[in-house]
C-alpha atoms as a PDB file:
ATOM      1  CA  MET A   1    -166.363 -55.428-210.269  1.00  0.00           C
ATOM      2  CA  ALA A   2    -164.057 -53.435-207.347  1.00  0.00           C
ATOM      3  CA  LYS A   3    -160.889 -52.580-207.419  1.00  0.00           C
ATOM      4  CA  THR A   4    -157.924 -54.229-204.946  1.00  0.00           C
ATOM      5  CA  GLU A   5    -156.374 -52.163-201.520  1.00  0.00           C
ATOM      6  CA  THR A   6    -153.155 -52.684-202.165  1.00  0.00           C
ATOM      7  CA  ILE A   7    -152.986 -51.257-198.003  1.00  0.00           C
ATOM      8  CA  PRO A   8    -155.507 -53.486-195.808  1.00  0.00           C
ATOM      9  CA  ASP A   9    -158.711 -51.215-194.596  1.00  0.00           C
ATOM     10  CA  GLN A  10    -157.139 -47.826-196.154  1.00  0.00           C
ATOM     11  CA  ALA A  11    -160.034 -46.124-197.141  1.00  0.00           C
ATOM     12  CA  ALA A  12    -161.979 -47.186-193.548  1.00  0.00           C
ATOM     13  CA  LEU A  13    -158.570 -46.133-191.435  1.00  0.00           C
ATOM     14  CA  LYS A  14    -158.670 -42.669-193.664  1.00  0.00           C
ATOM     15  CA  ARG A  15    -162.248 -42.868-192.618  1.00  0.00           C
ATOM     16  CA  VAL A  16    -162.066 -43.663-188.890  1.00  0.00           C
ATOM     17  CA  GLY A  17    -159.065 -41.328-188.439  1.00  0.00           C
ATOM     18  CA  LYS A  18    -160.692 -37.961-189.538  1.00  0.00           C
ATOM     19  CA  ALA A  19    -164.130 -39.007-187.401  1.00  0.00           C
ATOM     20  CA  VAL A  20    -162.414 -39.446-184.564  1.00  0.00           C
ATOM     21  CA  LYS A  21    -159.507 -37.402-185.191  1.00  0.00           C
ATOM     22  CA  ASP A  22    -162.683 -34.154-184.624  1.00  0.00           C
ATOM     23  CA  ARG A  23    -165.261 -35.606-182.348  1.00  0.00           C
ATOM     24  CA  LEU A  24    -161.597 -35.309-180.222  1.00  0.00           C
ATOM     25  CA  GLU A  25    -159.880 -31.907-181.322  1.00  0.00           C
ATOM     26  CA  ALA A  26    -164.002 -30.816-179.989  1.00  0.00           C
ATOM     27  CA  ASP A  27    -163.571 -31.906-176.744  1.00  0.00           C
ATOM     28  CA  PRO A  28    -162.228 -28.445-174.553  1.00  0.00           C
ATOM     29  CA  GLY A  29    -161.254 -31.169-172.461  1.00  0.00           C
ATOM     30  CA  VAL A  30    -158.765 -33.379-174.900  1.00  0.00           C
ATOM     31  CA  TYR A  31    -155.363 -31.384-175.212  1.00  0.00           C
ATOM     32  CA  LYS A  32    -153.335 -31.996-178.053  1.00  0.00           C
ATOM     33  CA  ILE A  33    -150.307 -33.652-177.998  1.00  0.00           C
ATOM     34  CA  PRO A  34    -147.489 -31.001-180.363  1.00  0.00           C
ATOM     35  CA  THR A  35    -146.125 -33.316-183.198  1.00  0.00           C
ATOM     36  CA  ASP A  36    -146.351 -32.991-186.596  1.00  0.00           C
ATOM     37  CA  LEU A  37    -146.447 -37.273-187.292  1.00  0.00           C
ATOM     38  CA  THR A  38    -149.603 -38.572-185.436  1.00  0.00           C
ATOM     39  CA  ASP A  39    -152.175 -37.535-184.343  1.00  0.00           C
ATOM     40  CA  MET A  40    -152.185 -38.126-180.886  1.00  0.00           C
ATOM     41  CA  TYR A  41    -153.688 -36.167-177.210  1.00  0.00           C
ATOM     42  CA  ALA A  42    -154.251 -36.034-173.261  1.00  0.00           C
ATOM     43  CA  VAL A  43    -157.156 -37.124-170.992  1.00  0.00           C
ATOM     44  CA  GLY A  44    -156.395 -35.763-167.788  1.00  0.00           C
ATOM     45  CA  ASP A  45    -158.101 -37.081-164.644  1.00  0.00           C
ATOM     46  CA  PHE A  46    -160.095 -39.266-167.218  1.00  0.00           C
ATOM     47  CA  LEU A  47    -159.598 -42.394-164.646  1.00  0.00           C
ATOM     48  CA  THR A  48    -160.085 -41.710-160.759  1.00  0.00           C
ATOM     49  CA  GLY A  49    -157.344 -42.576-158.411  1.00  0.00           C
ATOM     50  CA  ALA A  50    -160.153 -45.699-156.631  1.00  0.00           C
ATOM     51  CA  GLU A  51    -160.776 -46.030-160.176  1.00  0.00           C
ATOM     52  CA  CYS A  52    -157.168 -47.063-160.776  1.00  0.00           C
ATOM     53  CA  GLU A  53    -156.580 -48.695-157.784  1.00  0.00           C
ATOM     54  CA  ARG A  54    -159.524 -50.733-158.485  1.00  0.00           C
ATOM     55  CA  LEU A  55    -158.134 -51.778-162.244  1.00  0.00           C
ATOM     56  CA  CYS A  56    -154.628 -52.855-160.556  1.00  0.00           C
ATOM     57  CA  LEU A  57    -155.683 -55.264-157.975  1.00  0.00           C
ATOM     58  CA  MET A  58    -157.861 -57.075-161.539  1.00  0.00           C
ATOM     59  CA  ILE A  59    -154.201 -56.637-162.898  1.00  0.00           C
ATOM     60  CA  ASP A  60    -153.055 -59.151-160.928  1.00  0.00           C
ATOM     61  CA  GLU A  61    -155.483 -61.182-161.206  1.00  0.00           C
ATOM     62  CA  VAL A  62    -155.910 -62.017-164.432  1.00  0.00           C
ATOM     63  CA  ALA A  63    -151.318 -60.686-165.702  1.00  0.00           C
ATOM     64  CA  ARG A  64    -148.935 -63.889-167.518  1.00  0.00           C
ATOM     65  CA  PRO A  65    -145.463 -63.032-169.478  1.00  0.00           C
ATOM     66  CA  SER A  66    -146.805 -61.062-172.259  1.00  0.00           C
ATOM     67  CA  SER A  67    -145.751 -62.442-175.420  1.00  0.00           C
ATOM     68  CA  LEU A  68    -146.628 -60.962-178.858  1.00  0.00           C
ATOM     69  CA  HIS A  69    -147.604 -62.884-182.133  1.00  0.00           C
ATOM     70  CA  GLU A  70    -145.084 -65.064-181.921  1.00  0.00           C
ATOM     71  CA  ILE A  71    -142.415 -63.040-180.779  1.00  0.00           C
ATOM     72  CA  GLY A  72    -142.590 -64.923-177.273  1.00  0.00           C
ATOM     73  CA  TYR A  73    -141.835 -63.314-174.109  1.00  0.00           C
ATOM     74  CA  GLU A  74    -138.172 -65.721-173.954  1.00  0.00           C
ATOM     75  CA  SER A  75    -136.611 -63.217-176.673  1.00  0.00           C
ATOM     76  CA  GLY A  76    -137.379 -60.158-174.088  1.00  0.00           C
ATOM     77  CA  PHE A  77    -138.948 -57.668-176.586  1.00  0.00           C
ATOM     78  CA  ARG A  78    -141.590 -57.815-173.943  1.00  0.00           C
ATOM     79  CA  THR A  79    -140.502 -58.305-170.482  1.00  0.00           C
ATOM     80  CA  SER A  80    -143.838 -57.166-168.768  1.00  0.00           C
ATOM     81  CA  TYR A  81    -146.809 -59.205-167.672  1.00  0.00           C
ATOM     82  CA  SER A  82    -149.947 -58.647-168.840  1.00  0.00           C
ATOM     83  CA  GLY A  83    -154.199 -60.593-169.054  1.00  0.00           C
ATOM     84  CA  ASP A  84    -157.318 -58.836-170.608  1.00  0.00           C
ATOM     85  CA  LEU A  85    -159.670 -58.143-168.155  1.00  0.00           C
ATOM     86  CA  ASP A  86    -162.803 -59.182-168.059  1.00  0.00           C
ATOM     87  CA  PRO A  87    -165.153 -57.700-171.614  1.00  0.00           C
ATOM     88  CA  GLY A  88    -168.651 -58.876-168.814  1.00  0.00           C
ATOM     89  CA  ASP A  89    -167.812 -57.097-165.661  1.00  0.00           C
ATOM     90  CA  SER A  90    -169.699 -54.431-165.174  1.00  0.00           C
ATOM     91  CA  PHE A  91    -167.140 -51.983-164.127  1.00  0.00           C
ATOM     92  CA  VAL A  92    -164.299 -53.133-166.961  1.00  0.00           C
ATOM     93  CA  LYS A  93    -167.402 -52.254-168.836  1.00  0.00           C
ATOM     94  CA  GLY A  94    -168.000 -48.773-167.900  1.00  0.00           C
ATOM     95  CA  ILE A  95    -164.869 -47.822-168.632  1.00  0.00           C
ATOM     96  CA  SER A  96    -164.622 -49.784-171.553  1.00  0.00           C
ATOM     97  CA  ARG A  97    -167.499 -48.051-172.580  1.00  0.00           C
ATOM     98  CA  ARG A  98    -166.304 -44.307-171.972  1.00  0.00           C
ATOM     99  CA  ILE A  99    -163.224 -44.759-173.801  1.00  0.00           C
ATOM    100  CA  ASP A 100    -165.545 -45.296-176.539  1.00  0.00           C
ATOM    101  CA  ASP A 101    -167.669 -42.360-175.922  1.00  0.00           C
ATOM    102  CA  LEU A 102    -164.821 -40.578-176.103  1.00  0.00           C
ATOM    103  CA  LEU A 103    -163.838 -41.811-179.134  1.00  0.00           C
ATOM    104  CA  GLY A 104    -167.032 -41.399-180.629  1.00  0.00           C
ATOM    105  CA  LEU A 105    -166.259 -45.798-181.591  1.00  0.00           C
ATOM    106  CA  PRO A 106    -168.532 -48.775-181.775  1.00  0.00           C
ATOM    107  CA  SER A 107    -167.898 -51.191-178.333  1.00  0.00           C
ATOM    108  CA  MET A 108    -168.114 -54.128-181.393  1.00  0.00           C
ATOM    109  CA  VAL A 109    -164.816 -52.791-182.742  1.00  0.00           C
ATOM    110  CA  GLY A 110    -162.815 -52.333-180.119  1.00  0.00           C
ATOM    111  CA  GLU A 111    -160.261 -55.841-178.302  1.00  0.00           C
ATOM    112  CA  ALA A 112    -160.447 -56.101-175.318  1.00  0.00           C
ATOM    113  CA  VAL A 113    -159.205 -54.108-172.883  1.00  0.00           C
ATOM    114  CA  GLN A 114    -156.002 -55.734-171.740  1.00  0.00           C
ATOM    115  CA  GLY A 115    -154.079 -54.913-168.620  1.00  0.00           C
ATOM    116  CA  GLN A 116    -150.417 -54.252-168.110  1.00  0.00           C
ATOM    117  CA  ARG A 117    -148.221 -54.416-165.300  1.00  0.00           C
ATOM    118  CA  TYR A 118    -144.359 -53.429-165.419  1.00  0.00           C
ATOM    119  CA  LEU A 119    -141.936 -54.216-162.886  1.00  0.00           C
ATOM    120  CA  PRO A 120    -137.976 -52.880-161.709  1.00  0.00           C
ATOM    121  CA  GLY A 121    -136.416 -53.515-165.130  1.00  0.00           C
ATOM    122  CA  GLN A 122    -139.152 -55.405-167.273  1.00  0.00           C
ATOM    123  CA  GLN A 123    -140.298 -53.636-171.226  1.00  0.00           C
ATOM    124  CA  PHE A 124    -141.634 -53.306-174.226  1.00  0.00           C
ATOM    125  CA  LYS A 125    -138.648 -53.159-176.593  1.00  0.00           C
ATOM    126  CA  PRO A 126    -139.986 -50.393-180.001  1.00  0.00           C
ATOM    127  CA  HIS A 127    -142.758 -51.764-181.447  1.00  0.00           C
ATOM    128  CA  ASN A 128    -146.022 -49.965-184.079  1.00  0.00           C
ATOM    129  CA  ASP A 129    -149.294 -51.461-182.783  1.00  0.00           C
ATOM    130  CA  TRP A 130    -150.619 -51.663-186.441  1.00  0.00           C
ATOM    131  CA  PHE A 131    -150.327 -55.253-187.916  1.00  0.00           C
ATOM    132  CA  TYR A 132    -147.360 -55.610-190.652  1.00  0.00           C
ATOM    133  CA  SER A 133    -150.136 -56.959-193.718  1.00  0.00           C
ATOM    134  CA  SER A 134    -146.717 -59.354-194.955  1.00  0.00           C
ATOM    135  CA  GLU A 135    -146.505 -60.816-191.332  1.00  0.00           C
ATOM    136  CA  LYS A 136    -147.830 -64.592-191.006  1.00  0.00           C
ATOM    137  CA  TYR A 137    -150.224 -63.406-188.561  1.00  0.00           C
ATOM    138  CA  TRP A 138    -151.629 -61.292-190.869  1.00  0.00           C
ATOM    139  CA  GLU A 139    -154.323 -63.465-192.317  1.00  0.00           C
ATOM    140  CA  LEU A 140    -155.247 -64.623-188.334  1.00  0.00           C
ATOM    141  CA  GLU A 141    -155.965 -60.785-188.088  1.00  0.00           C
ATOM    142  CA  ARG A 142    -157.808 -59.039-190.954  1.00  0.00           C
ATOM    143  CA  LYS A 143    -160.189 -62.334-189.835  1.00  0.00           C
ATOM    144  CA  ARG A 144    -160.798 -61.207-185.726  1.00  0.00           C
ATOM    145  CA  GLY A 145    -161.304 -57.333-187.447  1.00  0.00           C
ATOM    146  CA  GLY A 146    -158.439 -56.337-189.615  1.00  0.00           C
ATOM    147  CA  GLN A 147    -156.093 -53.715-188.701  1.00  0.00           C
ATOM    148  CA  ARG A 148    -155.983 -51.673-185.843  1.00  0.00           C
ATOM    149  CA  SER A 149    -156.779 -47.423-186.091  1.00  0.00           C
ATOM    150  CA  TRP A 150    -156.834 -45.588-182.764  1.00  0.00           C
ATOM    151  CA  THR A 151    -154.686 -46.458-179.539  1.00  0.00           C
ATOM    152  CA  ALA A 152    -156.132 -46.072-175.869  1.00  0.00           C
ATOM    153  CA  MET A 153    -154.008 -45.905-173.218  1.00  0.00           C
ATOM    154  CA  ALA A 154    -154.230 -45.259-169.262  1.00  0.00           C
ATOM    155  CA  TYR A 155    -151.775 -44.801-166.747  1.00  0.00           C
ATOM    156  CA  LEU A 156    -152.588 -46.469-163.588  1.00  0.00           C
ATOM    157  CA  ASN A 157    -150.351 -45.773-160.208  1.00  0.00           C
ATOM    158  CA  GLU A 158    -146.967 -43.155-159.909  1.00  0.00           C
ATOM    159  CA  VAL A 159    -143.774 -45.129-161.147  1.00  0.00           C
ATOM    160  CA  GLU A 160    -141.280 -44.775-158.486  1.00  0.00           C
ATOM    161  CA  GLU A 161    -139.252 -44.109-161.373  1.00  0.00           C
ATOM    162  CA  GLY A 162    -138.800 -45.113-165.260  1.00  0.00           C
ATOM    163  CA  GLY A 163    -141.474 -46.491-167.098  1.00  0.00           C
ATOM    164  CA  GLY A 164    -142.240 -43.556-169.432  1.00  0.00           C
ATOM    165  CA  THR A 165    -143.803 -44.315-172.638  1.00  0.00           C
ATOM    166  CA  HIS A 166    -141.059 -43.343-175.369  1.00  0.00           C
ATOM    167  CA  PHE A 167    -142.580 -42.311-178.897  1.00  0.00           C
ATOM    168  CA  THR A 168    -138.808 -42.909-180.543  1.00  0.00           C
ATOM    169  CA  GLU A 169    -139.481 -41.216-184.050  1.00  0.00           C
ATOM    170  CA  ILE A 170    -141.527 -38.284-182.753  1.00  0.00           C
ATOM    171  CA  GLY A 171    -138.688 -37.656-179.820  1.00  0.00           C
ATOM    172  CA  ILE A 172    -141.262 -37.278-177.494  1.00  0.00           C
ATOM    173  CA  ASN A 173    -141.449 -39.390-173.287  1.00  0.00           C
ATOM    174  CA  ILE A 174    -144.413 -39.348-171.340  1.00  0.00           C
ATOM    175  CA  GLU A 175    -143.765 -39.788-168.025  1.00  0.00           C
ATOM    176  CA  PRO A 176    -146.233 -42.184-166.524  1.00  0.00           C
ATOM    177  CA  LYS A 177    -149.325 -39.936-164.743  1.00  0.00           C
ATOM    178  CA  PRO A 178    -152.475 -41.676-162.669  1.00  0.00           C
ATOM    179  CA  GLY A 179    -155.726 -41.127-164.707  1.00  0.00           C
ATOM    180  CA  VAL A 180    -154.749 -39.755-167.904  1.00  0.00           C
ATOM    181  CA  LEU A 181    -155.597 -41.853-171.081  1.00  0.00           C
ATOM    182  CA  LEU A 182    -153.578 -40.966-173.597  1.00  0.00           C
ATOM    183  CA  VAL A 183    -155.321 -41.792-177.620  1.00  0.00           C
ATOM    184  CA  TRP A 184    -153.264 -41.921-181.038  1.00  0.00           C
ATOM    185  CA  ASN A 185    -154.292 -43.366-184.878  1.00  0.00           C
ATOM    186  CA  ASN A 186    -152.454 -45.269-186.139  1.00  0.00           C
ATOM    187  CA  ALA A 187    -153.010 -44.129-189.918  1.00  0.00           C
ATOM    188  CA  LYS A 188    -151.480 -41.035-191.813  1.00  0.00           C
ATOM    189  CA  PRO A 189    -153.989 -39.250-192.402  1.00  0.00           C
ATOM    190  CA  ASP A 190    -154.519 -41.647-196.259  1.00  0.00           C
ATOM    191  CA  GLY A 191    -155.561 -44.400-194.453  1.00  0.00           C
ATOM    192  CA  SER A 192    -151.214 -45.831-195.229  1.00  0.00           C
ATOM    193  CA  PRO A 193    -149.436 -47.829-191.353  1.00  0.00           C
ATOM    194  CA  ASN A 194    -147.919 -44.509-189.337  1.00  0.00           C
ATOM    195  CA  GLU A 195    -144.422 -45.922-189.110  1.00  0.00           C
ATOM    196  CA  ASP A 196    -143.773 -42.557-186.834  1.00  0.00           C
ATOM    197  CA  THR A 197    -146.274 -43.833-184.120  1.00  0.00           C
ATOM    198  CA  MET A 198    -142.694 -46.723-183.548  1.00  0.00           C
ATOM    199  CA  HIS A 199    -143.427 -46.593-179.159  1.00  0.00           C
ATOM    200  CA  ALA A 200    -142.057 -48.403-176.401  1.00  0.00           C
ATOM    201  CA  GLY A 201    -142.657 -49.363-173.090  1.00  0.00           C
ATOM    202  CA  THR A 202    -139.277 -47.946-171.020  1.00  0.00           C
ATOM    203  CA  PRO A 203    -137.758 -50.379-168.479  1.00  0.00           C
ATOM    204  CA  VAL A 204    -138.988 -50.008-165.149  1.00  0.00           C
ATOM    205  CA  LEU A 205    -136.540 -48.935-162.888  1.00  0.00           C
ATOM    206  CA  LYS A 206    -137.975 -47.876-159.837  1.00  0.00           C
ATOM    207  CA  GLY A 207    -141.312 -49.760-158.165  1.00  0.00           C
ATOM    208  CA  SER A 208    -144.064 -50.558-160.532  1.00  0.00           C
ATOM    209  CA  LYS A 209    -146.575 -49.452-163.567  1.00  0.00           C
ATOM    210  CA  TYR A 210    -149.505 -50.922-164.220  1.00  0.00           C
ATOM    211  CA  ILE A 211    -151.610 -49.475-167.425  1.00  0.00           C
ATOM    212  CA  ILE A 212    -155.090 -50.416-169.665  1.00  0.00           C
ATOM    213  CA  THR A 213    -155.152 -51.102-172.926  1.00  0.00           C
ATOM    214  CA  LYS A 214    -157.695 -50.554-175.545  1.00  0.00           C
ATOM    215  CA  TRP A 215    -157.133 -51.331-179.257  1.00  0.00           C
ATOM    216  CA  TYR A 216    -159.598 -50.588-181.583  1.00  0.00           C
ATOM    217  CA  ARG A 217    -159.820 -52.052-185.508  1.00  0.00           C
ATOM    218  CA  THR A 218    -161.496 -51.456-188.479  1.00  0.00           C
ATOM    219  CA  ARG A 219    -164.709 -53.752-188.583  1.00  0.00           C
ATOM    220  CA  LYS A 220    -165.759 -56.120-185.755  1.00  0.00           C
ATOM    221  CA  TRP A 221    -162.868 -57.953-183.833  1.00  0.00           C
ATOM    222  CA  ALA A 222    -163.793 -61.286-183.308  1.00  0.00           C
END
């Protein structure tokens, strides 16, 4: 009888975490963000200006009030607008595959690319991207592909003021720069969920902020 994991998907998270880390650190175009608390990297000019503009227009077409599992928009926890971009669109597919190739992950484990728009005053309070297996939603997410391994997030526009990504435990606030792709491992090297990846989309004070995000699972996403 196989031994049951006490932490869901731990072995897979450990394996994927190391494989992606090794790949990114061997890529001369990838910058490692200096922290011992997680594996975090950035790629400048991952997207061109024209690609960023096109993605912003696509986000405007699908943006709806954001929610987070059982937490609704009205709670004020996540007040951005968001929506999944059409995975069948050839332009979106091309961007998505470039992120897959960078990380060396199969497209089937990646979720649909999600676009997010923040207007003045809108924010996403501190949260982790990985799933809490003690929560009710975990049973559904377990069947949909399991735990999240890596997050890839690209900034699409200049923000007049505010809108940084604040990693509260690490103590860094990353300002949005158009075309930059930020990626991080949501698990520790042993495959357990990393509490230190807690982060917030800080309130936009002036202007707007557009980003795309792609999350990766341990198994085929459905």
